[in-house]
mmCIF file of all heavy atoms, coordinates in Angstrom:
data_MODEL
# 
_entry.id   MODEL 
# 
loop_
_atom_site.group_PDB 
_atom_site.id 
_atom_site.type_symbol 
_atom_site.label_atom_id 
_atom_site.label_alt_id 
_atom_site.label_comp_id 
_atom_site.label_asym_id 
_atom_site.label_entity_id 
_atom_site.label_seq_id 
_atom_site.pdbx_PDB_ins_code 
_atom_site.Cartn_x 
_atom_site.Cartn_y 
_atom_site.Cartn_z 
_atom_site.occupancy 
_atom_site.B_iso_or_equiv 
_atom_site.pdbx_formal_charge 
_atom_site.auth_seq_id 
_atom_site.auth_comp_id 
_atom_site.auth_asym_id 
_atom_site.auth_atom_id 
_atom_site.pdbx_PDB_model_num 
ATOM 1   N N   . PRO A 1 1  ? -57.910 -101.658 124.502 1.00 0.00 ? 1  PRO A N   1 
ATOM 2   C CA  . PRO A 1 1  ? -58.334 -100.741 125.566 1.00 0.00 ? 1  PRO A CA  1 
ATOM 3   C C   . PRO A 1 1  ? -59.566 -101.280 126.275 1.00 0.00 ? 1  PRO A C   1 
ATOM 4   O O   . PRO A 1 1  ? -60.418 -101.916 125.670 1.00 0.00 ? 1  PRO A O   1 
ATOM 5   C CB  . PRO A 1 1  ? -58.654 -99.432  124.834 1.00 0.00 ? 1  PRO A CB  1 
ATOM 6   C CG  . PRO A 1 1  ? -58.816 -99.808  123.407 1.00 0.00 ? 1  PRO A CG  1 
ATOM 7   C CD  . PRO A 1 1  ? -58.064 -101.094 123.176 1.00 0.00 ? 1  PRO A CD  1 
ATOM 8   N N   . ARG A 1 2  ? -59.622 -101.032 127.519 1.00 0.00 ? 2  ARG A N   1 
ATOM 9   C CA  . ARG A 1 2  ? -60.758 -101.503 128.317 1.00 0.00 ? 2  ARG A CA  1 
ATOM 10  C C   . ARG A 1 2  ? -61.801 -100.402 128.374 1.00 0.00 ? 2  ARG A C   1 
ATOM 11  O O   . ARG A 1 2  ? -61.623 -99.410  129.071 1.00 0.00 ? 2  ARG A O   1 
ATOM 12  C CB  . ARG A 1 2  ? -60.280 -101.901 129.701 1.00 0.00 ? 2  ARG A CB  1 
ATOM 13  C CG  . ARG A 1 2  ? -59.291 -103.024 129.634 1.00 0.00 ? 2  ARG A CG  1 
ATOM 14  C CD  . ARG A 1 2  ? -58.820 -103.401 131.004 1.00 0.00 ? 2  ARG A CD  1 
ATOM 15  N NE  . ARG A 1 2  ? -57.795 -104.397 130.876 1.00 0.00 ? 2  ARG A NE  1 
ATOM 16  C CZ  . ARG A 1 2  ? -57.862 -105.588 131.427 1.00 0.00 ? 2  ARG A CZ  1 
ATOM 17  N NH1 . ARG A 1 2  ? -58.889 -105.923 132.162 1.00 0.00 ? 2  ARG A NH1 1 
ATOM 18  N NH2 . ARG A 1 2  ? -56.887 -106.440 131.254 1.00 0.00 ? 2  ARG A NH2 1 
ATOM 19  N N   . ARG A 1 3  ? -62.843 -100.624 127.671 1.00 0.00 ? 3  ARG A N   1 
ATOM 20  C CA  . ARG A 1 3  ? -63.881 -99.599  127.558 1.00 0.00 ? 3  ARG A CA  1 
ATOM 21  C C   . ARG A 1 3  ? -64.505 -99.212  128.897 1.00 0.00 ? 3  ARG A C   1 
ATOM 22  O O   . ARG A 1 3  ? -64.720 -98.038  129.149 1.00 0.00 ? 3  ARG A O   1 
ATOM 23  C CB  . ARG A 1 3  ? -64.941 -100.039 126.561 1.00 0.00 ? 3  ARG A CB  1 
ATOM 24  C CG  . ARG A 1 3  ? -64.435 -99.958  125.146 1.00 0.00 ? 3  ARG A CG  1 
ATOM 25  C CD  . ARG A 1 3  ? -65.553 -100.148 124.154 1.00 0.00 ? 3  ARG A CD  1 
ATOM 26  N NE  . ARG A 1 3  ? -64.992 -100.068 122.822 1.00 0.00 ? 3  ARG A NE  1 
ATOM 27  C CZ  . ARG A 1 3  ? -65.202 -100.938 121.879 1.00 0.00 ? 3  ARG A CZ  1 
ATOM 28  N NH1 . ARG A 1 3  ? -65.990 -101.971 122.097 1.00 0.00 ? 3  ARG A NH1 1 
ATOM 29  N NH2 . ARG A 1 3  ? -64.655 -100.790 120.713 1.00 0.00 ? 3  ARG A NH2 1 
ATOM 30  N N   . PRO A 1 4  ? -64.832 -100.165 129.761 1.00 0.00 ? 4  PRO A N   1 
ATOM 31  C CA  . PRO A 1 4  ? -65.420 -99.759  131.050 1.00 0.00 ? 4  PRO A CA  1 
ATOM 32  C C   . PRO A 1 4  ? -64.491 -98.856  131.855 1.00 0.00 ? 4  PRO A C   1 
ATOM 33  O O   . PRO A 1 4  ? -64.940 -97.901  132.470 1.00 0.00 ? 4  PRO A O   1 
ATOM 34  C CB  . PRO A 1 4  ? -65.670 -101.088 131.769 1.00 0.00 ? 4  PRO A CB  1 
ATOM 35  C CG  . PRO A 1 4  ? -65.783 -102.091 130.683 1.00 0.00 ? 4  PRO A CG  1 
ATOM 36  C CD  . PRO A 1 4  ? -64.832 -101.622 129.604 1.00 0.00 ? 4  PRO A CD  1 
ATOM 37  N N   . VAL A 1 5  ? -63.195 -99.134  131.816 1.00 0.00 ? 5  VAL A N   1 
ATOM 38  C CA  . VAL A 1 5  ? -62.246 -98.304  132.567 1.00 0.00 ? 5  VAL A CA  1 
ATOM 39  C C   . VAL A 1 5  ? -62.186 -96.906  131.973 1.00 0.00 ? 5  VAL A C   1 
ATOM 40  O O   . VAL A 1 5  ? -62.219 -95.905  132.691 1.00 0.00 ? 5  VAL A O   1 
ATOM 41  C CB  . VAL A 1 5  ? -60.844 -98.966  132.578 1.00 0.00 ? 5  VAL A CB  1 
ATOM 42  C CG1 . VAL A 1 5  ? -59.824 -98.023  133.183 1.00 0.00 ? 5  VAL A CG1 1 
ATOM 43  C CG2 . VAL A 1 5  ? -60.889 -100.285 133.317 1.00 0.00 ? 5  VAL A CG2 1 
ATOM 44  N N   . ILE A 1 6  ? -62.126 -96.820  130.662 1.00 0.00 ? 6  ILE A N   1 
ATOM 45  C CA  . ILE A 1 6  ? -62.088 -95.520  129.988 1.00 0.00 ? 6  ILE A CA  1 
ATOM 46  C C   . ILE A 1 6  ? -63.378 -94.760  130.266 1.00 0.00 ? 6  ILE A C   1 
ATOM 47  O O   . ILE A 1 6  ? -63.367 -93.568  130.564 1.00 0.00 ? 6  ILE A O   1 
ATOM 48  C CB  . ILE A 1 6  ? -61.854 -95.695  128.473 1.00 0.00 ? 6  ILE A CB  1 
ATOM 49  C CG1 . ILE A 1 6  ? -60.445 -96.250  128.237 1.00 0.00 ? 6  ILE A CG1 1 
ATOM 50  C CG2 . ILE A 1 6  ? -62.045 -94.374  127.735 1.00 0.00 ? 6  ILE A CG2 1 
ATOM 51  C CD1 . ILE A 1 6  ? -60.185 -96.687  126.816 1.00 0.00 ? 6  ILE A CD1 1 
ATOM 52  N N   . PHE A 1 7  ? -64.521 -95.459  130.183 1.00 0.00 ? 7  PHE A N   1 
ATOM 53  C CA  . PHE A 1 7  ? -65.806 -94.822  130.449 1.00 0.00 ? 7  PHE A CA  1 
ATOM 54  C C   . PHE A 1 7  ? -65.851 -94.259  131.872 1.00 0.00 ? 7  PHE A C   1 
ATOM 55  O O   . PHE A 1 7  ? -66.260 -93.123  132.079 1.00 0.00 ? 7  PHE A O   1 
ATOM 56  C CB  . PHE A 1 7  ? -66.952 -95.811  130.236 1.00 0.00 ? 7  PHE A CB  1 
ATOM 57  C CG  . PHE A 1 7  ? -68.284 -95.273  130.695 1.00 0.00 ? 7  PHE A CG  1 
ATOM 58  C CD1 . PHE A 1 7  ? -68.977 -94.357  129.930 1.00 0.00 ? 7  PHE A CD1 1 
ATOM 59  C CD2 . PHE A 1 7  ? -68.821 -95.663  131.921 1.00 0.00 ? 7  PHE A CD2 1 
ATOM 60  C CE1 . PHE A 1 7  ? -70.186 -93.855  130.357 1.00 0.00 ? 7  PHE A CE1 1 
ATOM 61  C CE2 . PHE A 1 7  ? -70.030 -95.162  132.352 1.00 0.00 ? 7  PHE A CE2 1 
ATOM 62  C CZ  . PHE A 1 7  ? -70.718 -94.252  131.566 1.00 0.00 ? 7  PHE A CZ  1 
ATOM 63  N N   . LEU A 1 8  ? -65.438 -95.081  132.842 1.00 0.00 ? 8  LEU A N   1 
ATOM 64  C CA  . LEU A 1 8  ? -65.462 -94.624  134.235 1.00 0.00 ? 8  LEU A CA  1 
ATOM 65  C C   . LEU A 1 8  ? -64.543 -93.439  134.442 1.00 0.00 ? 8  LEU A C   1 
ATOM 66  O O   . LEU A 1 8  ? -64.893 -92.488  135.143 1.00 0.00 ? 8  LEU A O   1 
ATOM 67  C CB  . LEU A 1 8  ? -65.081 -95.768  135.180 1.00 0.00 ? 8  LEU A CB  1 
ATOM 68  C CG  . LEU A 1 8  ? -66.151 -96.838  135.351 1.00 0.00 ? 8  LEU A CG  1 
ATOM 69  C CD1 . LEU A 1 8  ? -65.606 -97.990  136.195 1.00 0.00 ? 8  LEU A CD1 1 
ATOM 70  C CD2 . LEU A 1 8  ? -67.393 -96.260  135.997 1.00 0.00 ? 8  LEU A CD2 1 
ATOM 71  N N   . PHE A 1 9  ? -63.373 -93.467  133.838 1.00 0.00 ? 9  PHE A N   1 
ATOM 72  C CA  . PHE A 1 9  ? -62.452 -92.340  133.961 1.00 0.00 ? 9  PHE A CA  1 
ATOM 73  C C   . PHE A 1 9  ? -63.094 -91.072  133.412 1.00 0.00 ? 9  PHE A C   1 
ATOM 74  O O   . PHE A 1 9  ? -63.056 -90.023  134.042 1.00 0.00 ? 9  PHE A O   1 
ATOM 75  C CB  . PHE A 1 9  ? -61.136 -92.644  133.225 1.00 0.00 ? 9  PHE A CB  1 
ATOM 76  C CG  . PHE A 1 9  ? -60.189 -91.484  133.222 1.00 0.00 ? 9  PHE A CG  1 
ATOM 77  C CD1 . PHE A 1 9  ? -59.460 -91.170  134.354 1.00 0.00 ? 9  PHE A CD1 1 
ATOM 78  C CD2 . PHE A 1 9  ? -60.049 -90.683  132.096 1.00 0.00 ? 9  PHE A CD2 1 
ATOM 79  C CE1 . PHE A 1 9  ? -58.598 -90.089  134.371 1.00 0.00 ? 9  PHE A CE1 1 
ATOM 80  C CE2 . PHE A 1 9  ? -59.202 -89.598  132.101 1.00 0.00 ? 9  PHE A CE2 1 
ATOM 81  C CZ  . PHE A 1 9  ? -58.468 -89.302  133.243 1.00 0.00 ? 9  PHE A CZ  1 
ATOM 82  N N   . CYS A 1 10 ? -63.679 -91.169  132.225 1.00 0.00 ? 10 CYS A N   1 
ATOM 83  C CA  . CYS A 1 10 ? -64.334 -89.995  131.617 1.00 0.00 ? 10 CYS A CA  1 
ATOM 84  C C   . CYS A 1 10 ? -65.509 -89.516  132.460 1.00 0.00 ? 10 CYS A C   1 
ATOM 85  O O   . CYS A 1 10 ? -65.692 -88.319  132.667 1.00 0.00 ? 10 CYS A O   1 
ATOM 86  C CB  . CYS A 1 10 ? -64.790 -90.328  130.199 1.00 0.00 ? 10 CYS A CB  1 
ATOM 87  S SG  . CYS A 1 10 ? -63.435 -90.606  129.059 1.00 0.00 ? 10 CYS A SG  1 
ATOM 88  N N   . PHE A 1 11 ? -66.311 -90.466  132.950 1.00 0.00 ? 11 PHE A N   1 
ATOM 89  C CA  . PHE A 1 11 ? -67.467 -90.109  133.768 1.00 0.00 ? 11 PHE A CA  1 
ATOM 90  C C   . PHE A 1 11 ? -67.045 -89.360  135.024 1.00 0.00 ? 11 PHE A C   1 
ATOM 91  O O   . PHE A 1 11 ? -67.584 -88.304  135.344 1.00 0.00 ? 11 PHE A O   1 
ATOM 92  C CB  . PHE A 1 11 ? -68.262 -91.363  134.145 1.00 0.00 ? 11 PHE A CB  1 
ATOM 93  C CG  . PHE A 1 11 ? -69.385 -91.091  135.100 1.00 0.00 ? 11 PHE A CG  1 
ATOM 94  C CD1 . PHE A 1 11 ? -70.573 -90.538  134.654 1.00 0.00 ? 11 PHE A CD1 1 
ATOM 95  C CD2 . PHE A 1 11 ? -69.248 -91.362  136.455 1.00 0.00 ? 11 PHE A CD2 1 
ATOM 96  C CE1 . PHE A 1 11 ? -71.616 -90.276  135.528 1.00 0.00 ? 11 PHE A CE1 1 
ATOM 97  C CE2 . PHE A 1 11 ? -70.281 -91.098  137.341 1.00 0.00 ? 11 PHE A CE2 1 
ATOM 98  C CZ  . PHE A 1 11 ? -71.465 -90.557  136.870 1.00 0.00 ? 11 PHE A CZ  1 
ATOM 99  N N   . PHE A 1 12 ? -66.060 -89.893  135.749 1.00 0.00 ? 12 PHE A N   1 
ATOM 100 C CA  . PHE A 1 12 ? -65.632 -89.240  136.993 1.00 0.00 ? 12 PHE A CA  1 
ATOM 101 C C   . PHE A 1 12 ? -64.916 -87.929  136.734 1.00 0.00 ? 12 PHE A C   1 
ATOM 102 O O   . PHE A 1 12 ? -65.014 -86.993  137.526 1.00 0.00 ? 12 PHE A O   1 
ATOM 103 C CB  . PHE A 1 12 ? -64.783 -90.187  137.844 1.00 0.00 ? 12 PHE A CB  1 
ATOM 104 C CG  . PHE A 1 12 ? -65.604 -91.247  138.517 1.00 0.00 ? 12 PHE A CG  1 
ATOM 105 C CD1 . PHE A 1 12 ? -65.464 -92.579  138.172 1.00 0.00 ? 12 PHE A CD1 1 
ATOM 106 C CD2 . PHE A 1 12 ? -66.538 -90.915  139.475 1.00 0.00 ? 12 PHE A CD2 1 
ATOM 107 C CE1 . PHE A 1 12 ? -66.237 -93.557  138.768 1.00 0.00 ? 12 PHE A CE1 1 
ATOM 108 C CE2 . PHE A 1 12 ? -67.327 -91.876  140.087 1.00 0.00 ? 12 PHE A CE2 1 
ATOM 109 C CZ  . PHE A 1 12 ? -67.170 -93.206  139.732 1.00 0.00 ? 12 PHE A CZ  1 
ATOM 110 N N   . SER A 1 13 ? -64.209 -87.824  135.627 1.00 0.00 ? 13 SER A N   1 
ATOM 111 C CA  . SER A 1 13 ? -63.571 -86.556  135.268 1.00 0.00 ? 13 SER A CA  1 
ATOM 112 C C   . SER A 1 13 ? -64.632 -85.493  135.011 1.00 0.00 ? 13 SER A C   1 
ATOM 113 O O   . SER A 1 13 ? -64.534 -84.364  135.501 1.00 0.00 ? 13 SER A O   1 
ATOM 114 C CB  . SER A 1 13 ? -62.686 -86.722  134.038 1.00 0.00 ? 13 SER A CB  1 
ATOM 115 O OG  . SER A 1 13 ? -61.630 -87.593  134.313 1.00 0.00 ? 13 SER A OG  1 
ATOM 116 N N   . LEU A 1 14 ? -65.654 -85.851  134.249 1.00 0.00 ? 14 LEU A N   1 
ATOM 117 C CA  . LEU A 1 14 ? -66.742 -84.917  133.963 1.00 0.00 ? 14 LEU A CA  1 
ATOM 118 C C   . LEU A 1 14 ? -67.495 -84.566  135.238 1.00 0.00 ? 14 LEU A C   1 
ATOM 119 O O   . LEU A 1 14 ? -67.810 -83.400  135.482 1.00 0.00 ? 14 LEU A O   1 
ATOM 120 C CB  . LEU A 1 14 ? -67.697 -85.515  132.927 1.00 0.00 ? 14 LEU A CB  1 
ATOM 121 C CG  . LEU A 1 14 ? -68.895 -84.648  132.529 1.00 0.00 ? 14 LEU A CG  1 
ATOM 122 C CD1 . LEU A 1 14 ? -68.412 -83.347  131.897 1.00 0.00 ? 14 LEU A CD1 1 
ATOM 123 C CD2 . LEU A 1 14 ? -69.789 -85.408  131.572 1.00 0.00 ? 14 LEU A CD2 1 
ATOM 124 N N   . PHE A 1 15 ? -67.772 -85.569  136.069 1.00 0.00 ? 15 PHE A N   1 
ATOM 125 C CA  . PHE A 1 15 ? -68.465 -85.329  137.337 1.00 0.00 ? 15 PHE A CA  1 
ATOM 126 C C   . PHE A 1 15 ? -67.680 -84.353  138.203 1.00 0.00 ? 15 PHE A C   1 
ATOM 127 O O   . PHE A 1 15 ? -68.245 -83.433  138.788 1.00 0.00 ? 15 PHE A O   1 
ATOM 128 C CB  . PHE A 1 15 ? -68.676 -86.649  138.082 1.00 0.00 ? 15 PHE A CB  1 
ATOM 129 C CG  . PHE A 1 15 ? -69.360 -86.485  139.400 1.00 0.00 ? 15 PHE A CG  1 
ATOM 130 C CD1 . PHE A 1 15 ? -70.729 -86.290  139.466 1.00 0.00 ? 15 PHE A CD1 1 
ATOM 131 C CD2 . PHE A 1 15 ? -68.629 -86.502  140.581 1.00 0.00 ? 15 PHE A CD2 1 
ATOM 132 C CE1 . PHE A 1 15 ? -71.366 -86.129  140.687 1.00 0.00 ? 15 PHE A CE1 1 
ATOM 133 C CE2 . PHE A 1 15 ? -69.257 -86.334  141.804 1.00 0.00 ? 15 PHE A CE2 1 
ATOM 134 C CZ  . PHE A 1 15 ? -70.631 -86.154  141.856 1.00 0.00 ? 15 PHE A CZ  1 
ATOM 135 N N   . THR A 1 16 ? -66.362 -84.524  138.266 1.00 0.00 ? 16 THR A N   1 
ATOM 136 C CA  . THR A 1 16 ? -65.515 -83.640  139.076 1.00 0.00 ? 16 THR A CA  1 
ATOM 137 C C   . THR A 1 16 ? -65.575 -82.212  138.563 1.00 0.00 ? 16 THR A C   1 
ATOM 138 O O   . THR A 1 16 ? -65.690 -81.267  139.336 1.00 0.00 ? 16 THR A O   1 
ATOM 139 C CB  . THR A 1 16 ? -64.059 -84.151  139.069 1.00 0.00 ? 16 THR A CB  1 
ATOM 140 O OG1 . THR A 1 16 ? -64.053 -85.466  139.588 1.00 0.00 ? 16 THR A OG1 1 
ATOM 141 C CG2 . THR A 1 16 ? -63.167 -83.267  139.907 1.00 0.00 ? 16 THR A CG2 1 
ATOM 142 N N   . ILE A 1 17 ? -65.517 -82.041  137.258 1.00 0.00 ? 17 ILE A N   1 
ATOM 143 C CA  . ILE A 1 17 ? -65.575 -80.698  136.671 1.00 0.00 ? 17 ILE A CA  1 
ATOM 144 C C   . ILE A 1 17 ? -66.922 -80.052  136.978 1.00 0.00 ? 17 ILE A C   1 
ATOM 145 O O   . ILE A 1 17 ? -66.988 -78.894  137.402 1.00 0.00 ? 17 ILE A O   1 
ATOM 146 C CB  . ILE A 1 17 ? -65.327 -80.762  135.155 1.00 0.00 ? 17 ILE A CB  1 
ATOM 147 C CG1 . ILE A 1 17 ? -63.868 -81.142  134.890 1.00 0.00 ? 17 ILE A CG1 1 
ATOM 148 C CG2 . ILE A 1 17 ? -65.672 -79.440  134.482 1.00 0.00 ? 17 ILE A CG2 1 
ATOM 149 C CD1 . ILE A 1 17 ? -63.583 -81.534  133.461 1.00 0.00 ? 17 ILE A CD1 1 
ATOM 150 N N   . LEU A 1 18 ? -68.007 -80.794  136.762 1.00 0.00 ? 18 LEU A N   1 
ATOM 151 C CA  . LEU A 1 18 ? -69.339 -80.238  137.022 1.00 0.00 ? 18 LEU A CA  1 
ATOM 152 C C   . LEU A 1 18 ? -69.550 -79.963  138.499 1.00 0.00 ? 18 LEU A C   1 
ATOM 153 O O   . LEU A 1 18 ? -70.135 -78.958  138.880 1.00 0.00 ? 18 LEU A O   1 
ATOM 154 C CB  . LEU A 1 18 ? -70.418 -81.192  136.501 1.00 0.00 ? 18 LEU A CB  1 
ATOM 155 C CG  . LEU A 1 18 ? -70.481 -81.364  134.997 1.00 0.00 ? 18 LEU A CG  1 
ATOM 156 C CD1 . LEU A 1 18 ? -71.494 -82.442  134.632 1.00 0.00 ? 18 LEU A CD1 1 
ATOM 157 C CD2 . LEU A 1 18 ? -70.794 -80.052  134.305 1.00 0.00 ? 18 LEU A CD2 1 
ATOM 158 N N   . PHE A 1 19 ? -69.083 -80.854  139.359 1.00 0.00 ? 19 PHE A N   1 
ATOM 159 C CA  . PHE A 1 19 ? -69.245 -80.683  140.795 1.00 0.00 ? 19 PHE A CA  1 
ATOM 160 C C   . PHE A 1 19 ? -68.499 -79.450  141.276 1.00 0.00 ? 19 PHE A C   1 
ATOM 161 O O   . PHE A 1 19 ? -69.007 -78.660  142.061 1.00 0.00 ? 19 PHE A O   1 
ATOM 162 C CB  . PHE A 1 19 ? -68.740 -81.936  141.517 1.00 0.00 ? 19 PHE A CB  1 
ATOM 163 C CG  . PHE A 1 19 ? -68.839 -81.859  143.007 1.00 0.00 ? 19 PHE A CG  1 
ATOM 164 C CD1 . PHE A 1 19 ? -70.059 -81.987  143.636 1.00 0.00 ? 19 PHE A CD1 1 
ATOM 165 C CD2 . PHE A 1 19 ? -67.714 -81.648  143.782 1.00 0.00 ? 19 PHE A CD2 1 
ATOM 166 C CE1 . PHE A 1 19 ? -70.166 -81.921  145.010 1.00 0.00 ? 19 PHE A CE1 1 
ATOM 167 C CE2 . PHE A 1 19 ? -67.807 -81.576  145.150 1.00 0.00 ? 19 PHE A CE2 1 
ATOM 168 C CZ  . PHE A 1 19 ? -69.038 -81.716  145.763 1.00 0.00 ? 19 PHE A CZ  1 
ATOM 169 N N   . ALA A 1 20 ? -67.286 -79.268  140.777 1.00 0.00 ? 20 ALA A N   1 
ATOM 170 C CA  . ALA A 1 20 ? -66.495 -78.105  141.185 1.00 0.00 ? 20 ALA A CA  1 
ATOM 171 C C   . ALA A 1 20 ? -67.200 -76.817  140.777 1.00 0.00 ? 20 ALA A C   1 
ATOM 172 O O   . ALA A 1 20 ? -67.212 -75.842  141.515 1.00 0.00 ? 20 ALA A O   1 
ATOM 173 C CB  . ALA A 1 20 ? -65.102 -78.178  140.571 1.00 0.00 ? 20 ALA A CB  1 
ATOM 174 N N   . ASP A 1 21 ? -67.788 -76.808  139.577 1.00 0.00 ? 21 ASP A N   1 
ATOM 175 C CA  . ASP A 1 21 ? -68.488 -75.623  139.112 1.00 0.00 ? 21 ASP A CA  1 
ATOM 176 C C   . ASP A 1 21 ? -69.721 -75.364  139.965 1.00 0.00 ? 21 ASP A C   1 
ATOM 177 O O   . ASP A 1 21 ? -70.078 -74.219  140.211 1.00 0.00 ? 21 ASP A O   1 
ATOM 178 C CB  . ASP A 1 21 ? -68.874 -75.785  137.641 1.00 0.00 ? 21 ASP A CB  1 
ATOM 179 C CG  . ASP A 1 21 ? -69.387 -74.492  137.052 1.00 0.00 ? 21 ASP A CG  1 
ATOM 180 O OD1 . ASP A 1 21 ? -68.687 -73.474  137.173 1.00 0.00 ? 21 ASP A OD1 1 
ATOM 181 O OD2 . ASP A 1 21 ? -70.509 -74.494  136.494 1.00 0.00 ? 21 ASP A OD2 1 
ATOM 182 N N   . ASP A 1 22 ? -70.370 -76.420  140.422 1.00 0.00 ? 22 ASP A N   1 
ATOM 183 C CA  . ASP A 1 22 ? -71.563 -76.278  141.250 1.00 0.00 ? 22 ASP A CA  1 
ATOM 184 C C   . ASP A 1 22 ? -71.243 -75.572  142.571 1.00 0.00 ? 22 ASP A C   1 
ATOM 185 O O   . ASP A 1 22 ? -72.109 -74.957  143.165 1.00 0.00 ? 22 ASP A O   1 
ATOM 186 C CB  . ASP A 1 22 ? -72.162 -77.660  141.520 1.00 0.00 ? 22 ASP A CB  1 
ATOM 187 C CG  . ASP A 1 22 ? -73.507 -77.574  142.200 1.00 0.00 ? 22 ASP A CG  1 
ATOM 188 O OD1 . ASP A 1 22 ? -74.333 -76.747  141.774 1.00 0.00 ? 22 ASP A OD1 1 
ATOM 189 O OD2 . ASP A 1 22 ? -73.727 -78.324  143.168 1.00 0.00 ? 22 ASP A OD2 1 
ATOM 190 N N   . TRP A 1 23 ? -70.025 -75.671  143.034 1.00 0.00 ? 23 TRP A N   1 
ATOM 191 C CA  . TRP A 1 23 ? -69.644 -75.058  144.297 1.00 0.00 ? 23 TRP A CA  1 
ATOM 192 C C   . TRP A 1 23 ? -68.938 -73.717  144.133 1.00 0.00 ? 23 TRP A C   1 
ATOM 193 O O   . TRP A 1 23 ? -68.423 -73.176  145.098 1.00 0.00 ? 23 TRP A O   1 
ATOM 194 C CB  . TRP A 1 23 ? -68.788 -76.023  145.124 1.00 0.00 ? 23 TRP A CB  1 
ATOM 195 C CG  . TRP A 1 23 ? -69.647 -77.025  145.807 1.00 0.00 ? 23 TRP A CG  1 
ATOM 196 C CD1 . TRP A 1 23 ? -69.846 -78.320  145.460 1.00 0.00 ? 23 TRP A CD1 1 
ATOM 197 C CD2 . TRP A 1 23 ? -70.464 -76.793  146.955 1.00 0.00 ? 23 TRP A CD2 1 
ATOM 198 N NE1 . TRP A 1 23 ? -70.733 -78.911  146.319 1.00 0.00 ? 23 TRP A NE1 1 
ATOM 199 C CE2 . TRP A 1 23 ? -71.127 -77.995  147.254 1.00 0.00 ? 23 TRP A CE2 1 
ATOM 200 C CE3 . TRP A 1 23 ? -70.701 -75.676  147.763 1.00 0.00 ? 23 TRP A CE3 1 
ATOM 201 C CZ2 . TRP A 1 23 ? -72.006 -78.127  148.320 1.00 0.00 ? 23 TRP A CZ2 1 
ATOM 202 C CZ3 . TRP A 1 23 ? -71.580 -75.804  148.828 1.00 0.00 ? 23 TRP A CZ3 1 
ATOM 203 C CH2 . TRP A 1 23 ? -72.218 -77.011  149.102 1.00 0.00 ? 23 TRP A CH2 1 
ATOM 204 N N   . LYS A 1 24 ? -68.931 -73.177  142.928 1.00 0.00 ? 24 LYS A N   1 
ATOM 205 C CA  . LYS A 1 24 ? -68.390 -71.830  142.770 1.00 0.00 ? 24 LYS A CA  1 
ATOM 206 C C   . LYS A 1 24 ? -69.333 -70.854  143.470 1.00 0.00 ? 24 LYS A C   1 
ATOM 207 O O   . LYS A 1 24 ? -70.558 -71.012  143.422 1.00 0.00 ? 24 LYS A O   1 
ATOM 208 C CB  . LYS A 1 24 ? -68.281 -71.445  141.296 1.00 0.00 ? 24 LYS A CB  1 
ATOM 209 C CG  . LYS A 1 24 ? -67.086 -72.028  140.601 1.00 0.00 ? 24 LYS A CG  1 
ATOM 210 C CD  . LYS A 1 24 ? -66.967 -71.467  139.201 1.00 0.00 ? 24 LYS A CD  1 
ATOM 211 C CE  . LYS A 1 24 ? -65.715 -71.955  138.541 1.00 0.00 ? 24 LYS A CE  1 
ATOM 212 N NZ  . LYS A 1 24 ? -65.581 -71.401  137.183 1.00 0.00 ? 24 LYS A NZ  1 
ATOM 213 N N   . THR A 1 25 ? -68.755 -69.852  144.091 1.00 0.00 ? 25 THR A N   1 
ATOM 214 C CA  . THR A 1 25 ? -69.595 -68.834  144.720 1.00 0.00 ? 25 THR A CA  1 
ATOM 215 C C   . THR A 1 25 ? -70.214 -67.952  143.634 1.00 0.00 ? 25 THR A C   1 
ATOM 216 O O   . THR A 1 25 ? -69.755 -67.939  142.492 1.00 0.00 ? 25 THR A O   1 
ATOM 217 C CB  . THR A 1 25 ? -68.762 -67.952  145.672 1.00 0.00 ? 25 THR A CB  1 
ATOM 218 O OG1 . THR A 1 25 ? -67.794 -67.228  144.907 1.00 0.00 ? 25 THR A OG1 1 
ATOM 219 C CG2 . THR A 1 25 ? -68.082 -68.783  146.752 1.00 0.00 ? 25 THR A CG2 1 
ATOM 220 N N   . PHE A 1 26 ? -71.226 -67.226  143.999 1.00 0.00 ? 26 PHE A N   1 
ATOM 221 C CA  . PHE A 1 26 ? -71.859 -66.288  143.069 1.00 0.00 ? 26 PHE A CA  1 
ATOM 222 C C   . PHE A 1 26 ? -70.816 -65.324  142.521 1.00 0.00 ? 26 PHE A C   1 
ATOM 223 O O   . PHE A 1 26 ? -70.800 -65.014  141.331 1.00 0.00 ? 26 PHE A O   1 
ATOM 224 C CB  . PHE A 1 26 ? -72.977 -65.526  143.793 1.00 0.00 ? 26 PHE A CB  1 
ATOM 225 C CG  . PHE A 1 26 ? -73.755 -64.599  142.910 1.00 0.00 ? 26 PHE A CG  1 
ATOM 226 C CD1 . PHE A 1 26 ? -74.915 -65.031  142.291 1.00 0.00 ? 26 PHE A CD1 1 
ATOM 227 C CD2 . PHE A 1 26 ? -73.330 -63.299  142.704 1.00 0.00 ? 26 PHE A CD2 1 
ATOM 228 C CE1 . PHE A 1 26 ? -75.641 -64.176  141.478 1.00 0.00 ? 26 PHE A CE1 1 
ATOM 229 C CE2 . PHE A 1 26 ? -74.042 -62.436  141.890 1.00 0.00 ? 26 PHE A CE2 1 
ATOM 230 C CZ  . PHE A 1 26 ? -75.203 -62.878  141.277 1.00 0.00 ? 26 PHE A CZ  1 
ATOM 231 N N   . TYR A 1 27 ? -69.943 -64.860  143.393 1.00 0.00 ? 27 TYR A N   1 
ATOM 232 C CA  . TYR A 1 27 ? -68.888 -63.923  143.013 1.00 0.00 ? 27 TYR A CA  1 
ATOM 233 C C   . TYR A 1 27 ? -67.973 -64.530  141.948 1.00 0.00 ? 27 TYR A C   1 
ATOM 234 O O   . TYR A 1 27 ? -67.640 -63.876  140.963 1.00 0.00 ? 27 TYR A O   1 
ATOM 235 C CB  . TYR A 1 27 ? -68.099 -63.534  144.273 1.00 0.00 ? 27 TYR A CB  1 
ATOM 236 C CG  . TYR A 1 27 ? -67.009 -62.537  144.072 1.00 0.00 ? 27 TYR A CG  1 
ATOM 237 C CD1 . TYR A 1 27 ? -67.283 -61.247  143.633 1.00 0.00 ? 27 TYR A CD1 1 
ATOM 238 C CD2 . TYR A 1 27 ? -65.687 -62.870  144.351 1.00 0.00 ? 27 TYR A CD2 1 
ATOM 239 C CE1 . TYR A 1 27 ? -66.268 -60.322  143.465 1.00 0.00 ? 27 TYR A CE1 1 
ATOM 240 C CE2 . TYR A 1 27 ? -64.667 -61.944  144.194 1.00 0.00 ? 27 TYR A CE2 1 
ATOM 241 C CZ  . TYR A 1 27 ? -64.966 -60.676  143.748 1.00 0.00 ? 27 TYR A CZ  1 
ATOM 242 O OH  . TYR A 1 27 ? -63.965 -59.755  143.582 1.00 0.00 ? 27 TYR A OH  1 
# 
């Protein structure tokens, strides 16, 4: 397995989840 590829995939997946939560409305 290519560790850098796996790391980048995990990093961007986590970033996407956190970013989406950051844009949730107060409601």
